[in-house]
Protein backbone atom coordinates (compact mmCIF):
# COMPACT_ATOMS: atom_id res chain seq x y z
CA MET A 1 -19.53 -6.44 18.66
CA ALA A 2 -15.91 -7.36 19.35
CA ASN A 3 -12.73 -6.24 17.63
CA PHE A 4 -10.39 -9.03 16.44
CA LEU A 5 -6.87 -8.94 15.03
CA PHE A 6 -5.52 -12.03 13.27
CA VAL A 7 -1.74 -12.11 12.86
CA LEU A 8 -0.29 -14.59 10.37
CA GLN A 9 3.45 -15.14 10.67
CA SER A 10 3.90 -18.25 8.56
CA ASN A 11 3.36 -19.34 4.99
CA ASP A 12 2.32 -22.73 6.38
CA ASN A 13 -0.88 -23.87 4.68
CA GLU A 14 -2.58 -25.17 7.85
CA LYS A 15 -1.85 -22.02 9.85
CA ALA A 16 -3.07 -19.80 7.02
CA THR A 17 -6.22 -21.88 6.58
CA ARG A 18 -7.14 -21.56 10.27
CA CYS A 19 -6.30 -17.86 10.35
CA PHE A 20 -8.50 -17.14 7.34
CA GLN A 21 -11.27 -19.44 8.58
CA PHE A 22 -11.58 -17.74 11.96
CA ALA A 23 -11.27 -14.27 10.43
CA LYS A 24 -14.10 -15.13 8.03
CA ILE A 25 -16.27 -16.48 10.86
CA ALA A 26 -15.70 -13.38 13.00
CA HIS A 27 -16.39 -11.02 10.10
CA SER A 28 -19.52 -12.88 8.99
CA LYS A 29 -20.84 -12.60 12.56
CA GLY A 30 -20.50 -8.82 12.32
CA HIS A 31 -17.32 -8.34 14.35
CA GLN A 32 -14.62 -5.82 13.42
CA VAL A 33 -11.77 -7.81 11.85
CA ASN A 34 -8.25 -6.86 10.81
CA LEU A 35 -5.47 -9.10 9.61
CA PHE A 36 -1.73 -8.47 9.64
CA PHE A 37 0.85 -10.65 7.88
CA ILE A 38 4.44 -10.76 9.16
CA ASP A 39 7.55 -12.83 8.46
CA SER A 40 6.87 -15.51 5.83
CA GLY A 41 3.12 -14.94 6.26
CA VAL A 42 3.50 -12.05 3.79
CA ASP A 43 3.57 -14.65 1.01
CA TRP A 44 -0.22 -14.95 1.41
CA ALA A 45 -0.65 -11.36 0.19
CA ILE A 46 0.37 -12.32 -3.34
CA VAL A 47 -2.46 -12.53 -5.86
CA GLY A 48 -2.76 -16.05 -7.20
CA LYS A 49 -0.90 -17.84 -4.38
CA ASP A 50 -1.99 -21.46 -4.43
CA GLY A 51 -4.33 -21.88 -1.49
CA SER A 52 -5.84 -25.14 -2.71
CA ILE A 53 -3.70 -27.52 -0.64
CA LYS A 54 -6.10 -29.37 1.66
CA THR A 55 -5.51 -29.61 5.38
CA ILE A 56 -6.16 -32.80 7.35
CA THR A 57 -9.71 -31.53 7.96
CA GLY A 58 -10.34 -31.24 4.21
CA ASP A 59 -10.50 -27.47 3.91
CA CYS A 60 -7.92 -25.08 2.51
CA ALA A 61 -6.94 -21.40 2.52
CA ALA A 62 -8.78 -20.91 -0.77
CA ASP A 63 -12.03 -21.78 1.01
CA TYR A 64 -11.76 -18.59 3.10
CA LEU A 65 -9.30 -16.06 1.65
CA PRO A 66 -11.53 -15.02 -1.28
CA TYR A 67 -14.26 -14.00 1.19
CA LEU A 68 -11.80 -11.76 3.04
CA VAL A 69 -10.63 -10.15 -0.19
CA GLU A 70 -14.13 -9.69 -1.64
CA ASN A 71 -15.40 -8.19 1.62
CA GLU A 72 -12.36 -5.89 1.79
CA VAL A 73 -11.35 -7.03 5.27
CA PRO A 74 -8.41 -4.73 6.08
CA THR A 75 -5.10 -6.56 5.88
CA GLY A 76 -1.74 -5.02 6.69
CA ILE A 77 1.43 -6.48 5.24
CA CYS A 78 4.65 -5.93 7.18
CA THR A 79 6.65 -3.51 5.05
CA PRO A 80 10.18 -4.76 5.83
CA CYS A 81 9.05 -8.40 5.66
CA ALA A 82 7.60 -7.82 2.19
CA LYS A 83 10.34 -5.55 0.86
CA ASN A 84 13.07 -8.01 1.86
CA ARG A 85 11.22 -10.64 -0.17
CA ASN A 86 10.91 -8.25 -3.14
CA LEU A 87 7.14 -8.04 -2.74
CA ASP A 88 5.13 -4.88 -3.28
CA GLU A 89 1.51 -3.79 -3.32
CA ALA A 90 1.25 -4.20 -7.09
CA ASN A 91 1.25 -7.97 -6.46
CA PHE A 92 -1.10 -7.97 -3.46
CA ASN A 93 -4.78 -8.78 -3.20
CA SER A 94 -6.93 -5.65 -3.31
CA ASN A 95 -7.63 -5.49 0.45
CA MET A 96 -3.93 -5.66 1.39
CA VAL A 97 -1.50 -2.78 1.93
CA LEU A 98 2.01 -2.34 3.25
CA ASP A 99 1.92 -1.43 6.91
CA GLY A 100 4.21 -1.18 9.90
CA GLY A 101 4.78 -2.23 13.47
CA PRO A 102 3.40 0.97 15.04
CA HIS A 103 -0.01 0.38 13.44
CA LEU A 104 0.09 -3.30 14.42
CA ILE A 105 0.65 -2.34 18.06
CA ASP A 106 -2.15 0.23 17.95
CA MET A 107 -4.56 -2.36 16.55
CA ALA A 108 -3.47 -4.96 19.11
CA ALA A 109 -4.09 -2.51 21.95
CA GLU A 110 -7.75 -2.33 20.96
CA ALA A 111 -8.44 -5.93 19.92
CA LYS A 112 -8.48 -9.57 20.89
CA VAL A 113 -5.42 -10.95 19.11
CA PHE A 114 -5.03 -14.35 17.48
CA ASN A 115 -1.57 -15.45 16.30
CA PHE A 116 -0.97 -18.06 13.64
C-alpha cells in the first residue's frame, strides 16, 4: 500500500473538509496515512471545534474528522504555530501531538504529499 501525508495549512472549512475526506478514504483503503497541521490549520486540532459547517457539496469536516480521531490516524501539530496561538496538547484531539518541521520533512520524503 502507499504512504500519504496530508498537510493542512488553513482553518478554512472547505479545505479542512477535503483534507479529512481524502485522508479518511486513503486510510479506509488500507494506506499508511499521516496528517500535519501548520499555520492556521492548527485550529483543527482543538477538541470541540465546530466542523458542522456544510460545504457546497453538502458535507463537512465533522463527517470525516471523527473517523481520523477514533482510528488514531497520526496527526502532527506544528509546535510554533500552536504555541503562538496559545494552543497545547491538553486541548487537542487524542490522535494529535505537537511536532516539528524536521519530522514533517522526513515524512514528506517517504510519502505522496497532499497540501490543503
